[in-house]
């Protein structure tokens, strides 16, 4: 009663207190990881990569192995509101840290809540498939290095796979997805390009006309460059040997070789040569291409899906110059070009 009277008096004198911000969510500790793995023992991995970089293909291939399950688009760390939104409020913090809450042993329960939620979502699927290694693939285009930092705060024991694709082909794939979906972000100029492309595609395929606005090139090229730089740097810094990167183009060229590297990285016990045939069968289909054709066949048919090097046919001189300016050095770093003379 005395406490309530003091609180009422304080409000009368100073007014209502403003809502305080939530303190930073603490990272999970090694001891907590060991505890929670008693309940959720499966090994975890996460496939990251800029949107339109082959994350879906990699997901489809990695789960061909009898020990590995992968599903997609949980967006635990890659798209807002993110996993941490479950506990990201002062009210939830107060509940999970309350001294009278004897379950917390004097520590914020938030990281355990996040880990348990994500573990259950993934392990439920993996249990149905009878597999002991499980992961999620969720592409990211805007959060960059924070993706890895957020993942590490909940899953410091996980493995991270990052797939990289030539940014020029990413640019084209992103553009046509927006065209096919008739994105709400299309400008009046974008819509004029679509109309002209549908009327006569020839000038767009021989370098006379661009499918891009300059603003679109700059926006996507910068996001791609920033994403590659930050995700790679943070994954190397935080995960070290538990980080593996690969290029989409190498996966297309040598799928069994690249998938063997991925499966060994994940710690499978055996890799059968029969998986080579399963990989080829899986790669012969393209669900995304089929979906785009159903959505807008006229636009979708203009671009062969999933191929490397489409940019060589579709980039104009202006497109090349702008991309070089924004992200040319990143192409060199990842081995797509030797210099800027392309």
C-alpha atoms as a PDB file:
ATOM      1  CA  UNK A   1       0.000   0.000   0.000  1.00  0.00           C
ATOM      2  CA  UNK A   2       2.811   2.412   0.885  1.00  0.00           C
ATOM      3  CA  UNK A   3       4.445   1.734  -2.472  1.00  0.00           C
ATOM      4  CA  UNK A   4       1.228   2.538  -4.309  1.00  0.00           C
ATOM      5  CA  UNK A   5       0.777   5.772  -2.365  1.00  0.00           C
ATOM      6  CA  UNK A   6       4.326   6.816  -3.243  1.00  0.00           C
ATOM      7  CA  UNK A   7       3.699   6.020  -6.872  1.00  0.00           C
ATOM      8  CA  UNK A   8       0.463   8.059  -6.903  1.00  0.00           C
ATOM      9  CA  UNK A   9       2.205  10.994  -5.242  1.00  0.00           C
ATOM     10  CA  UNK A  10       5.030  10.849  -7.773  1.00  0.00           C
ATOM     11  CA  UNK A  11       2.527  10.930 -10.657  1.00  0.00           C
ATOM     12  CA  UNK A  12       0.757  13.934  -9.126  1.00  0.00           C
ATOM     13  CA  UNK A  13       4.025  15.827  -8.747  1.00  0.00           C
ATOM     14  CA  UNK A  14       5.862  14.766 -11.936  1.00  0.00           C
ATOM     15  CA  UNK A  15       3.175  13.358 -14.225  1.00  0.00           C
ATOM     16  CA  UNK A  16       3.012   9.919 -15.824  1.00  0.00           C
ATOM     17  CA  UNK A  17       6.370   8.306 -16.485  1.00  0.00           C
ATOM     18  CA  UNK A  18       7.217   7.797 -20.146  1.00  0.00           C
ATOM     19  CA  UNK A  19       7.471   4.210 -21.305  1.00  0.00           C
ATOM     20  CA  UNK A  20      11.066   3.131 -21.044  1.00  0.00           C
ATOM     21  CA  UNK A  21      12.820   1.439 -23.912  1.00  0.00           C
ATOM     22  CA  UNK A  22      13.656  -2.214 -23.732  1.00  0.00           C
ATOM     23  CA  UNK A  23      17.223  -3.025 -22.717  1.00  0.00           C
ATOM     24  CA  UNK A  24      19.265  -4.885 -25.352  1.00  0.00           C
ATOM     25  CA  UNK A  25      18.293  -8.531 -25.623  1.00  0.00           C
ATOM     26  CA  UNK A  26      21.217 -10.501 -24.185  1.00  0.00           C
ATOM     27  CA  UNK A  27      22.878 -13.170 -26.333  1.00  0.00           C
ATOM     28  CA  UNK A  28      22.388 -16.785 -25.402  1.00  0.00           C
ATOM     29  CA  UNK A  29      25.212 -18.189 -23.245  1.00  0.00           C
ATOM     30  CA  UNK A  30      27.170 -21.401 -23.889  1.00  0.00           C
ATOM     31  CA  UNK A  31      25.556 -22.887 -20.784  1.00  0.00           C
ATOM     32  CA  UNK A  32      22.082 -22.075 -22.109  1.00  0.00           C
ATOM     33  CA  UNK A  33      22.950 -23.586 -25.499  1.00  0.00           C
ATOM     34  CA  UNK A  34      24.026 -26.801 -23.780  1.00  0.00           C
ATOM     35  CA  UNK A  35      20.802 -26.852 -21.753  1.00  0.00           C
ATOM     36  CA  UNK A  36      18.460 -26.267 -24.678  1.00  0.00           C
ATOM     37  CA  UNK A  37      20.188 -28.875 -26.849  1.00  0.00           C
ATOM     38  CA  UNK A  38      19.055 -31.473 -24.343  1.00  0.00           C
ATOM     39  CA  UNK A  39      15.520 -30.757 -25.580  1.00  0.00           C
ATOM     40  CA  UNK A  40      16.288 -29.809 -29.202  1.00  0.00           C
ATOM     41  CA  UNK A  41      19.354 -31.866 -30.172  1.00  0.00           C
ATOM     42  CA  UNK A  42      19.373 -31.502 -33.963  1.00  0.00           C
ATOM     43  CA  UNK A  43      22.229 -29.598 -35.604  1.00  0.00           C
ATOM     44  CA  UNK A  44      21.094 -26.295 -37.157  1.00  0.00           C
ATOM     45  CA  UNK A  45      22.177 -24.324 -40.199  1.00  0.00           C
ATOM     46  CA  UNK A  46      20.999 -21.221 -42.024  1.00  0.00           C
ATOM     47  CA  UNK A  47      21.257 -20.438 -45.733  1.00  0.00           C
ATOM     48  CA  UNK A  48      21.667 -16.729 -46.418  1.00  0.00           C
ATOM     49  CA  UNK A  49      22.139 -14.832 -49.653  1.00  0.00           C
ATOM     50  CA  UNK A  50      20.879 -11.754 -51.443  1.00  0.00           C
ATOM     51  CA  UNK A  51      17.432 -12.239 -52.958  1.00  0.00           C
ATOM     52  CA  UNK A  52      17.504 -13.845 -56.436  1.00  0.00           C
ATOM     53  CA  UNK A  53      20.905 -15.465 -55.776  1.00  0.00           C
ATOM     54  CA  UNK A  54      19.950 -19.143 -55.851  1.00  0.00           C
ATOM     55  CA  UNK A  55      18.958 -19.690 -52.229  1.00  0.00           C
ATOM     56  CA  UNK A  56      15.859 -21.638 -53.275  1.00  0.00           C
ATOM     57  CA  UNK A  57      17.805 -23.965 -55.568  1.00  0.00           C
ATOM     58  CA  UNK A  58      20.362 -24.601 -52.835  1.00  0.00           C
ATOM     59  CA  UNK A  59      17.579 -25.369 -50.366  1.00  0.00           C
ATOM     60  CA  UNK A  60      15.996 -27.855 -52.771  1.00  0.00           C
ATOM     61  CA  UNK A  61      19.333 -29.602 -53.336  1.00  0.00           C
ATOM     62  CA  UNK A  62      20.625 -29.714 -49.774  1.00  0.00           C
ATOM     63  CA  UNK A  63      17.573 -31.553 -48.501  1.00  0.00           C
ATOM     64  CA  UNK A  64      18.022 -34.361 -51.042  1.00  0.00           C
ATOM     65  CA  UNK A  65      20.423 -35.924 -48.557  1.00  0.00           C
ATOM     66  CA  UNK A  66      18.849 -38.468 -46.225  1.00  0.00           C
ATOM     67  CA  UNK A  67      20.322 -36.744 -43.159  1.00  0.00           C
ATOM     68  CA  UNK A  68      19.462 -33.141 -44.009  1.00  0.00           C
ATOM     69  CA  UNK A  69      16.172 -31.261 -43.934  1.00  0.00           C
ATOM     70  CA  UNK A  70      15.723 -27.664 -45.035  1.00  0.00           C
ATOM     71  CA  UNK A  71      12.649 -25.512 -45.356  1.00  0.00           C
ATOM     72  CA  UNK A  72      12.338 -21.876 -46.249  1.00  0.00           C
ATOM     73  CA  UNK A  73      11.270 -18.320 -45.542  1.00  0.00           C
ATOM     74  CA  UNK A  74      11.058 -18.456 -41.742  1.00  0.00           C
ATOM     75  CA  UNK A  75      12.927 -15.141 -41.852  1.00  0.00           C
ATOM     76  CA  UNK A  76      14.085 -15.508 -38.271  1.00  0.00           C
ATOM     77  CA  UNK A  77      16.834 -12.937 -38.900  1.00  0.00           C
ATOM     78  CA  UNK A  78      16.311 -11.631 -42.435  1.00  0.00           C
ATOM     79  CA  UNK A  79      12.980  -9.831 -42.703  1.00  0.00           C
ATOM     80  CA  UNK A  80      11.137  -7.681 -40.199  1.00  0.00           C
ATOM     81  CA  UNK A  81       9.567  -8.093 -37.705  1.00  0.00           C
ATOM     82  CA  UNK A  82      12.246 -10.805 -37.096  1.00  0.00           C
ATOM     83  CA  UNK A  83      12.387 -13.500 -34.432  1.00  0.00           C
ATOM     84  CA  UNK A  84      13.480 -11.043 -31.742  1.00  0.00           C
ATOM     85  CA  UNK A  85      10.169  -9.185 -32.081  1.00  0.00           C
ATOM     86  CA  UNK A  86       8.698 -11.909 -29.842  1.00  0.00           C
ATOM     87  CA  UNK A  87      10.469 -10.387 -26.828  1.00  0.00           C
ATOM     88  CA  UNK A  88      11.338  -6.897 -28.060  1.00  0.00           C
ATOM     89  CA  UNK A  89       9.230  -4.763 -25.725  1.00  0.00           C
ATOM     90  CA  UNK A  90       9.645  -3.317 -22.197  1.00  0.00           C
ATOM     91  CA  UNK A  91       6.589  -5.241 -21.021  1.00  0.00           C
ATOM     92  CA  UNK A  92       7.985  -8.605 -22.134  1.00  0.00           C
ATOM     93  CA  UNK A  93      11.378  -7.744 -20.668  1.00  0.00           C
ATOM     94  CA  UNK A  94       9.767  -6.893 -17.336  1.00  0.00           C
ATOM     95  CA  UNK A  95       7.909 -10.190 -17.320  1.00  0.00           C
ATOM     96  CA  UNK A  96      10.941 -12.308 -18.252  1.00  0.00           C
ATOM     97  CA  UNK A  97      13.289 -10.563 -15.796  1.00  0.00           C
ATOM     98  CA  UNK A  98      10.877 -10.033 -12.881  1.00  0.00           C
ATOM     99  CA  UNK A  99      12.482 -10.920  -9.537  1.00  0.00           C
ATOM    100  CA  UNK A 100       9.380 -12.792  -8.424  1.00  0.00           C
ATOM    101  CA  UNK A 101       9.651 -14.984 -11.534  1.00  0.00           C
ATOM    102  CA  UNK A 102      11.765 -17.737 -10.039  1.00  0.00           C
ATOM    103  CA  UNK A 103      12.056 -19.552 -13.377  1.00  0.00           C
ATOM    104  CA  UNK A 104      14.578 -17.039 -14.708  1.00  0.00           C
ATOM    105  CA  UNK A 105      17.284 -17.606 -12.053  1.00  0.00           C
ATOM    106  CA  UNK A 106      18.057 -13.908 -12.062  1.00  0.00           C
ATOM    107  CA  UNK A 107      18.664 -13.647 -15.826  1.00  0.00           C
ATOM    108  CA  UNK A 108      16.581 -12.401 -18.760  1.00  0.00           C
ATOM    109  CA  UNK A 109      14.823 -15.426 -20.273  1.00  0.00           C
ATOM    110  CA  UNK A 110      14.503 -13.724 -23.673  1.00  0.00           C
ATOM    111  CA  UNK A 111      17.300 -15.576 -25.536  1.00  0.00           C
ATOM    112  CA  UNK A 112      15.945 -18.929 -24.352  1.00  0.00           C
ATOM    113  CA  UNK A 113      12.439 -17.998 -25.503  1.00  0.00           C
ATOM    114  CA  UNK A 114      13.780 -17.077 -28.956  1.00  0.00           C
ATOM    115  CA  UNK A 115      15.895 -20.197 -29.265  1.00  0.00           C
ATOM    116  CA  UNK A 116      13.107 -22.510 -28.098  1.00  0.00           C
ATOM    117  CA  UNK A 117      10.627 -20.986 -30.543  1.00  0.00           C
ATOM    118  CA  UNK A 118      12.928 -21.312 -33.558  1.00  0.00           C
ATOM    119  CA  UNK A 119      14.190 -24.751 -32.518  1.00  0.00           C
ATOM    120  CA  UNK A 120      10.665 -26.116 -32.223  1.00  0.00           C
ATOM    121  CA  UNK A 121       9.602 -24.722 -35.598  1.00  0.00           C
ATOM    122  CA  UNK A 122      12.561 -26.348 -37.357  1.00  0.00           C
ATOM    123  CA  UNK A 123      12.748 -29.595 -35.402  1.00  0.00           C
ATOM    124  CA  UNK A 124       9.046 -30.302 -35.785  1.00  0.00           C
ATOM    125  CA  UNK A 125       9.516 -30.499 -39.573  1.00  0.00           C
ATOM    126  CA  UNK A 126      12.790 -32.408 -39.312  1.00  0.00           C
ATOM    127  CA  UNK A 127      11.238 -34.992 -36.980  1.00  0.00           C
ATOM    128  CA  UNK A 128       8.496 -35.667 -39.529  1.00  0.00           C
ATOM    129  CA  UNK A 129      11.176 -36.277 -42.159  1.00  0.00           C
ATOM    130  CA  UNK A 130      13.307 -38.393 -39.811  1.00  0.00           C
ATOM    131  CA  UNK A 131      16.378 -36.171 -40.284  1.00  0.00           C
ATOM    132  CA  UNK A 132      18.886 -34.951 -37.698  1.00  0.00           C
ATOM    133  CA  UNK A 133      20.371 -31.901 -39.457  1.00  0.00           C
ATOM    134  CA  UNK A 134      17.924 -29.080 -40.110  1.00  0.00           C
ATOM    135  CA  UNK A 135      18.104 -25.571 -41.478  1.00  0.00           C
ATOM    136  CA  UNK A 136      16.197 -22.628 -42.877  1.00  0.00           C
ATOM    137  CA  UNK A 137      16.878 -20.669 -46.027  1.00  0.00           C
ATOM    138  CA  UNK A 138      15.791 -17.054 -45.975  1.00  0.00           C
ATOM    139  CA  UNK A 139      17.291 -14.500 -48.372  1.00  0.00           C
ATOM    140  CA  UNK A 140      18.024 -10.955 -47.307  1.00  0.00           C
ATOM    141  CA  UNK A 141      18.610  -7.789 -49.296  1.00  0.00           C
ATOM    142  CA  UNK A 142      18.499  -4.896 -46.850  1.00  0.00           C
ATOM    143  CA  UNK A 143      19.564  -5.924 -43.338  1.00  0.00           C
ATOM    144  CA  UNK A 144      23.076  -7.041 -44.361  1.00  0.00           C
ATOM    145  CA  UNK A 145      25.536  -7.713 -41.522  1.00  0.00           C
ATOM    146  CA  UNK A 146      22.878  -7.456 -38.829  1.00  0.00           C
ATOM    147  CA  UNK A 147      21.467 -10.731 -40.154  1.00  0.00           C
ATOM    148  CA  UNK A 148      24.600 -12.561 -39.015  1.00  0.00           C
ATOM    149  CA  UNK A 149      24.880 -10.718 -35.705  1.00  0.00           C
ATOM    150  CA  UNK A 150      21.266 -11.512 -34.832  1.00  0.00           C
ATOM    151  CA  UNK A 151      21.729 -15.153 -35.806  1.00  0.00           C
ATOM    152  CA  UNK A 152      24.858 -15.438 -33.669  1.00  0.00           C
ATOM    153  CA  UNK A 153      23.093 -14.031 -30.603  1.00  0.00           C
ATOM    154  CA  UNK A 154      20.639 -16.967 -30.697  1.00  0.00           C
ATOM    155  CA  UNK A 155      22.579 -19.634 -32.630  1.00  0.00           C
ATOM    156  CA  UNK A 156      26.324 -19.274 -31.968  1.00  0.00           C
ATOM    157  CA  UNK A 157      26.569 -23.054 -32.463  1.00  0.00           C
ATOM    158  CA  UNK A 158      24.888 -23.126 -35.886  1.00  0.00           C
ATOM    159  CA  UNK A 159      26.491 -23.283 -39.321  1.00  0.00           C
ATOM    160  CA  UNK A 160      26.058 -20.515 -41.892  1.00  0.00           C
ATOM    161  CA  UNK A 161      25.952 -20.998 -45.670  1.00  0.00           C
ATOM    162  CA  UNK A 162      26.057 -17.927 -47.901  1.00  0.00           C
ATOM    163  CA  UNK A 163      25.340 -18.262 -51.621  1.00  0.00           C
ATOM    164  CA  UNK A 164      26.580 -15.507 -53.939  1.00  0.00           C
ATOM    165  CA  UNK A 165      25.497 -14.713 -57.491  1.00  0.00           C
ATOM    166  CA  UNK A 166      26.837 -12.288 -60.084  1.00  0.00           C
ATOM    167  CA  UNK A 167      25.169  -8.994 -59.171  1.00  0.00           C
ATOM    168  CA  UNK A 168      24.383  -8.220 -62.792  1.00  0.00           C
ATOM    169  CA  UNK A 169      22.246 -11.337 -63.082  1.00  0.00           C
ATOM    170  CA  UNK A 170      20.736 -10.607 -59.672  1.00  0.00           C
ATOM    171  CA  UNK A 171      19.763  -7.216 -61.037  1.00  0.00           C
ATOM    172  CA  UNK A 172      18.021  -8.753 -64.048  1.00  0.00           C
ATOM    173  CA  UNK A 173      16.238 -11.425 -62.033  1.00  0.00           C
ATOM    174  CA  UNK A 174      15.025  -8.849 -59.525  1.00  0.00           C
ATOM    175  CA  UNK A 175      13.784  -6.626 -62.342  1.00  0.00           C
ATOM    176  CA  UNK A 176      11.764  -9.338 -64.041  1.00  0.00           C
ATOM    177  CA  UNK A 177      10.288 -10.543 -60.772  1.00  0.00           C
ATOM    178  CA  UNK A 178       9.010  -7.006 -60.193  1.00  0.00           C
ATOM    179  CA  UNK A 179       7.666  -6.893 -63.746  1.00  0.00           C
ATOM    180  CA  UNK A 180       5.916 -10.256 -63.473  1.00  0.00           C
ATOM    181  CA  UNK A 181       4.422  -9.475 -60.083  1.00  0.00           C
ATOM    182  CA  UNK A 182       3.475  -5.955 -61.205  1.00  0.00           C
ATOM    183  CA  UNK A 183       5.099  -4.642 -58.054  1.00  0.00           C
ATOM    184  CA  UNK A 184       3.480  -1.732 -56.257  1.00  0.00           C
ATOM    185  CA  UNK A 185       6.869  -0.008 -56.356  1.00  0.00           C
ATOM    186  CA  UNK A 186       6.892   0.309 -60.153  1.00  0.00           C
ATOM    187  CA  UNK A 187       7.172   3.905 -61.324  1.00  0.00           C
ATOM    188  CA  UNK A 188       5.491   5.436 -64.356  1.00  0.00           C
ATOM    189  CA  UNK A 189       8.757   4.996 -66.271  1.00  0.00           C
ATOM    190  CA  UNK A 190       8.906   1.341 -65.230  1.00  0.00           C
ATOM    191  CA  UNK A 191       5.402   0.790 -66.569  1.00  0.00           C
ATOM    192  CA  UNK A 192       6.335   2.395 -69.874  1.00  0.00           C
ATOM    193  CA  UNK A 193       9.278   0.005 -70.173  1.00  0.00           C
ATOM    194  CA  UNK A 194       6.980  -2.976 -69.533  1.00  0.00           C
ATOM    195  CA  UNK A 195       4.497  -1.805 -72.159  1.00  0.00           C
ATOM    196  CA  UNK A 196       7.251  -1.288 -74.754  1.00  0.00           C
ATOM    197  CA  UNK A 197       8.822  -4.649 -73.897  1.00  0.00           C
ATOM    198  CA  UNK A 198       5.509  -6.408 -74.458  1.00  0.00           C
ATOM    199  CA  UNK A 199       4.990  -4.565 -77.755  1.00  0.00           C
ATOM    200  CA  UNK A 200       8.458  -5.174 -79.213  1.00  0.00           C
ATOM    201  CA  UNK A 201      11.171  -6.958 -77.156  1.00  0.00           C
ATOM    202  CA  UNK A 202      13.848  -6.769 -79.876  1.00  0.00           C
ATOM    203  CA  UNK A 203      15.478  -3.445 -78.868  1.00  0.00           C
ATOM    204  CA  UNK A 204      15.773  -4.714 -75.287  1.00  0.00           C
ATOM    205  CA  UNK A 205      17.722  -7.814 -76.294  1.00  0.00           C
ATOM    206  CA  UNK A 206      20.341  -6.265 -78.567  1.00  0.00           C
ATOM    207  CA  UNK A 207      21.653  -3.431 -76.395  1.00  0.00           C
ATOM    208  CA  UNK A 208      19.638  -0.577 -77.884  1.00  0.00           C
ATOM    209  CA  UNK A 209      17.234  -0.137 -74.965  1.00  0.00           C
ATOM    210  CA  UNK A 210      17.563  -0.841 -71.271  1.00  0.00           C
ATOM    211  CA  UNK A 211      15.062  -2.701 -69.109  1.00  0.00           C
ATOM    212  CA  UNK A 212      16.289  -0.593 -66.167  1.00  0.00           C
ATOM    213  CA  UNK A 213      15.999   2.919 -64.916  1.00  0.00           C
ATOM    214  CA  UNK A 214      19.273   4.290 -63.595  1.00  0.00           C
ATOM    215  CA  UNK A 215      17.758   4.591 -60.113  1.00  0.00           C
ATOM    216  CA  UNK A 216      16.898   0.871 -60.119  1.00  0.00           C
ATOM    217  CA  UNK A 217      20.447  -0.129 -61.077  1.00  0.00           C
ATOM    218  CA  UNK A 218      21.977   2.041 -58.372  1.00  0.00           C
ATOM    219  CA  UNK A 219      19.583   0.813 -55.707  1.00  0.00           C
ATOM    220  CA  UNK A 220      19.910  -2.933 -56.342  1.00  0.00           C
ATOM    221  CA  UNK A 221      23.642  -2.825 -57.131  1.00  0.00           C
ATOM    222  CA  UNK A 222      24.398  -1.035 -53.863  1.00  0.00           C
ATOM    223  CA  UNK A 223      22.217  -3.408 -51.844  1.00  0.00           C
ATOM    224  CA  UNK A 224      23.923  -6.383 -53.486  1.00  0.00           C
ATOM    225  CA  UNK A 225      27.414  -5.018 -52.863  1.00  0.00           C
ATOM    226  CA  UNK A 226      26.689  -4.061 -49.260  1.00  0.00           C
ATOM    227  CA  UNK A 227      25.031  -7.398 -48.554  1.00  0.00           C
ATOM    228  CA  UNK A 228      27.951  -9.434 -49.879  1.00  0.00           C
ATOM    229  CA  UNK A 229      30.544  -7.364 -48.080  1.00  0.00           C
ATOM    230  CA  UNK A 230      28.824  -7.237 -44.702  1.00  0.00           C
ATOM    231  CA  UNK A 231      27.437 -10.776 -44.527  1.00  0.00           C
ATOM    232  CA  UNK A 232      30.745 -12.307 -45.591  1.00  0.00           C
ATOM    233  CA  UNK A 233      32.804 -10.197 -43.175  1.00  0.00           C
ATOM    234  CA  UNK A 234      30.535 -10.779 -40.186  1.00  0.00           C
ATOM    235  CA  UNK A 235      30.146 -14.497 -40.873  1.00  0.00           C
ATOM    236  CA  UNK A 236      33.912 -14.934 -41.068  1.00  0.00           C
ATOM    237  CA  UNK A 237      34.393 -12.902 -37.878  1.00  0.00           C
ATOM    238  CA  UNK A 238      31.716 -14.612 -35.792  1.00  0.00           C
ATOM    239  CA  UNK A 239      31.436 -18.136 -37.212  1.00  0.00           C
ATOM    240  CA  UNK A 240      34.914 -18.835 -38.564  1.00  0.00           C
ATOM    241  CA  UNK A 241      35.153 -22.489 -39.651  1.00  0.00           C
ATOM    242  CA  UNK A 242      31.372 -22.809 -39.255  1.00  0.00           C
ATOM    243  CA  UNK A 243      30.873 -20.491 -42.238  1.00  0.00           C
ATOM    244  CA  UNK A 244      30.804 -21.679 -45.855  1.00  0.00           C
ATOM    245  CA  UNK A 245      30.279 -19.568 -48.978  1.00  0.00           C
ATOM    246  CA  UNK A 246      29.726 -20.683 -52.545  1.00  0.00           C
ATOM    247  CA  UNK A 247      28.899 -19.117 -55.894  1.00  0.00           C
ATOM    248  CA  UNK A 248      25.658 -19.850 -57.694  1.00  0.00           C
ATOM    249  CA  UNK A 249      27.507 -20.136 -61.005  1.00  0.00           C
ATOM    250  CA  UNK A 250      29.790 -22.853 -59.598  1.00  0.00           C
ATOM    251  CA  UNK A 251      26.730 -24.714 -58.329  1.00  0.00           C
ATOM    252  CA  UNK A 252      25.271 -24.681 -61.857  1.00  0.00           C
ATOM    253  CA  UNK A 253      28.546 -25.781 -63.435  1.00  0.00           C
ATOM    254  CA  UNK A 254      29.491 -28.540 -60.950  1.00  0.00           C
ATOM    255  CA  UNK A 255      26.445 -29.303 -58.827  1.00  0.00           C
ATOM    256  CA  UNK A 256      27.581 -32.604 -57.290  1.00  0.00           C
ATOM    257  CA  UNK A 257      31.027 -31.219 -56.456  1.00  0.00           C
ATOM    258  CA  UNK A 258      29.585 -28.118 -54.798  1.00  0.00           C
ATOM    259  CA  UNK A 259      26.871 -30.040 -52.942  1.00  0.00           C
ATOM    260  CA  UNK A 260      29.441 -32.531 -51.686  1.00  0.00           C
ATOM    261  CA  UNK A 261      31.309 -29.600 -50.129  1.00  0.00           C
ATOM    262  CA  UNK A 262      28.098 -28.311 -48.552  1.00  0.00           C
ATOM    263  CA  UNK A 263      27.075 -31.693 -47.136  1.00  0.00           C
ATOM    264  CA  UNK A 264      30.556 -32.330 -45.722  1.00  0.00           C
ATOM    265  CA  UNK A 265      30.454 -28.881 -44.150  1.00  0.00           C
ATOM    266  CA  UNK A 266      27.150 -29.793 -42.486  1.00  0.00           C
ATOM    267  CA  UNK A 267      28.699 -32.957 -41.083  1.00  0.00           C
ATOM    268  CA  UNK A 268      26.776 -35.734 -42.828  1.00  0.00           C
ATOM    269  CA  UNK A 269      28.058 -39.257 -42.293  1.00  0.00           C
ATOM    270  CA  UNK A 270      27.970 -40.473 -45.896  1.00  0.00           C
ATOM    271  CA  UNK A 271      27.549 -39.021 -49.380  1.00  0.00           C
ATOM    272  CA  UNK A 272      26.297 -41.559 -51.893  1.00  0.00           C
ATOM    273  CA  UNK A 273      27.125 -41.180 -55.582  1.00  0.00           C
ATOM    274  CA  UNK A 274      23.448 -41.813 -56.312  1.00  0.00           C
ATOM    275  CA  UNK A 275      22.869 -38.256 -55.119  1.00  0.00           C
ATOM    276  CA  UNK A 276      24.442 -37.011 -58.356  1.00  0.00           C
ATOM    277  CA  UNK A 277      21.474 -38.330 -60.332  1.00  0.00           C
ATOM    278  CA  UNK A 278      19.007 -36.949 -57.773  1.00  0.00           C
ATOM    279  CA  UNK A 279      20.642 -33.534 -58.110  1.00  0.00           C
ATOM    280  CA  UNK A 280      20.356 -33.563 -61.894  1.00  0.00           C
ATOM    281  CA  UNK A 281      16.703 -34.544 -61.684  1.00  0.00           C
ATOM    282  CA  UNK A 282      15.973 -31.762 -59.204  1.00  0.00           C
ATOM    283  CA  UNK A 283      17.809 -29.179 -61.291  1.00  0.00           C
ATOM    284  CA  UNK A 284      15.868 -30.109 -64.404  1.00  0.00           C
ATOM    285  CA  UNK A 285      12.773 -28.488 -62.921  1.00  0.00           C
ATOM    286  CA  UNK A 286      12.333 -24.810 -62.134  1.00  0.00           C
ATOM    287  CA  UNK A 287       9.259 -24.092 -59.972  1.00  0.00           C
ATOM    288  CA  UNK A 288       9.991 -20.369 -59.962  1.00  0.00           C
ATOM    289  CA  UNK A 289       9.993 -20.243 -63.769  1.00  0.00           C
ATOM    290  CA  UNK A 290       6.705 -22.128 -63.887  1.00  0.00           C
ATOM    291  CA  UNK A 291       5.159 -19.776 -61.325  1.00  0.00           C
ATOM    292  CA  UNK A 292       6.280 -16.674 -63.231  1.00  0.00           C
ATOM    293  CA  UNK A 293       4.904 -18.088 -66.480  1.00  0.00           C
ATOM    294  CA  UNK A 294       1.525 -18.630 -64.852  1.00  0.00           C
ATOM    295  CA  UNK A 295       1.589 -15.107 -63.431  1.00  0.00           C
ATOM    296  CA  UNK A 296       2.609 -13.232 -66.591  1.00  0.00           C
ATOM    297  CA  UNK A 297       3.768 -15.445 -69.434  1.00  0.00           C
ATOM    298  CA  UNK A 298       4.340 -12.588 -71.861  1.00  0.00           C
ATOM    299  CA  UNK A 299       7.000 -10.971 -69.670  1.00  0.00           C
ATOM    300  CA  UNK A 300       8.356 -14.180 -68.118  1.00  0.00           C
ATOM    301  CA  UNK A 301       9.108 -15.807 -71.485  1.00  0.00           C
ATOM    302  CA  UNK A 302      11.512 -12.999 -72.403  1.00  0.00           C
ATOM    303  CA  UNK A 303      14.101 -14.130 -69.841  1.00  0.00           C
ATOM    304  CA  UNK A 304      15.492 -17.686 -69.467  1.00  0.00           C
ATOM    305  CA  UNK A 305      15.351 -18.388 -65.723  1.00  0.00           C
ATOM    306  CA  UNK A 306      18.173 -19.677 -63.569  1.00  0.00           C
ATOM    307  CA  UNK A 307      20.914 -19.187 -66.147  1.00  0.00           C
ATOM    308  CA  UNK A 308      24.253 -17.484 -65.653  1.00  0.00           C
ATOM    309  CA  UNK A 309      25.263 -14.586 -67.882  1.00  0.00           C
ATOM    310  CA  UNK A 310      21.889 -13.184 -68.940  1.00  0.00           C
ATOM    311  CA  UNK A 311      23.323  -9.727 -68.283  1.00  0.00           C
ATOM    312  CA  UNK A 312      25.612 -10.027 -71.311  1.00  0.00           C
ATOM    313  CA  UNK A 313      22.593 -10.015 -73.610  1.00  0.00           C
ATOM    314  CA  UNK A 314      20.536  -7.395 -71.805  1.00  0.00           C
ATOM    315  CA  UNK A 315      22.936  -4.770 -70.432  1.00  0.00           C
ATOM    316  CA  UNK A 316      23.364  -1.571 -72.412  1.00  0.00           C
ATOM    317  CA  UNK A 317      26.534   0.524 -72.321  1.00  0.00           C
ATOM    318  CA  UNK A 318      24.820   2.820 -69.804  1.00  0.00           C
ATOM    319  CA  UNK A 319      23.860  -0.140 -67.604  1.00  0.00           C
ATOM    320  CA  UNK A 320      27.451  -1.373 -67.547  1.00  0.00           C
ATOM    321  CA  UNK A 321      28.862   2.032 -66.671  1.00  0.00           C
ATOM    322  CA  UNK A 322      26.457   2.560 -63.772  1.00  0.00           C
ATOM    323  CA  UNK A 323      26.988  -0.933 -62.360  1.00  0.00           C
ATOM    324  CA  UNK A 324      30.775  -0.564 -62.573  1.00  0.00           C
ATOM    325  CA  UNK A 325      30.581   2.710 -60.691  1.00  0.00           C
ATOM    326  CA  UNK A 326      28.469   1.258 -57.869  1.00  0.00           C
ATOM    327  CA  UNK A 327      29.651  -2.338 -57.532  1.00  0.00           C
ATOM    328  CA  UNK A 328      32.411  -3.054 -60.049  1.00  0.00           C
ATOM    329  CA  UNK A 329      35.024  -3.775 -57.394  1.00  0.00           C
ATOM    330  CA  UNK A 330      32.777  -6.369 -55.752  1.00  0.00           C
ATOM    331  CA  UNK A 331      32.601  -8.304 -59.039  1.00  0.00           C
ATOM    332  CA  UNK A 332      36.394  -8.445 -59.029  1.00  0.00           C
ATOM    333  CA  UNK A 333      36.590  -9.554 -55.393  1.00  0.00           C
ATOM    334  CA  UNK A 334      34.277 -12.518 -56.005  1.00  0.00           C
ATOM    335  CA  UNK A 335      36.020 -13.552 -59.225  1.00  0.00           C
ATOM    336  CA  UNK A 336      33.373 -12.479 -61.714  1.00  0.00           C
ATOM    337  CA  UNK A 337      35.737 -10.100 -63.486  1.00  0.00           C
ATOM    338  CA  UNK A 338      39.506  -9.568 -63.481  1.00  0.00           C
ATOM    339  CA  UNK A 339      39.221  -5.793 -63.852  1.00  0.00           C
ATOM    340  CA  UNK A 340      36.738  -3.087 -64.851  1.00  0.00           C
ATOM    341  CA  UNK A 341      37.308  -3.527 -68.586  1.00  0.00           C
ATOM    342  CA  UNK A 342      34.183  -5.482 -69.397  1.00  0.00           C
END
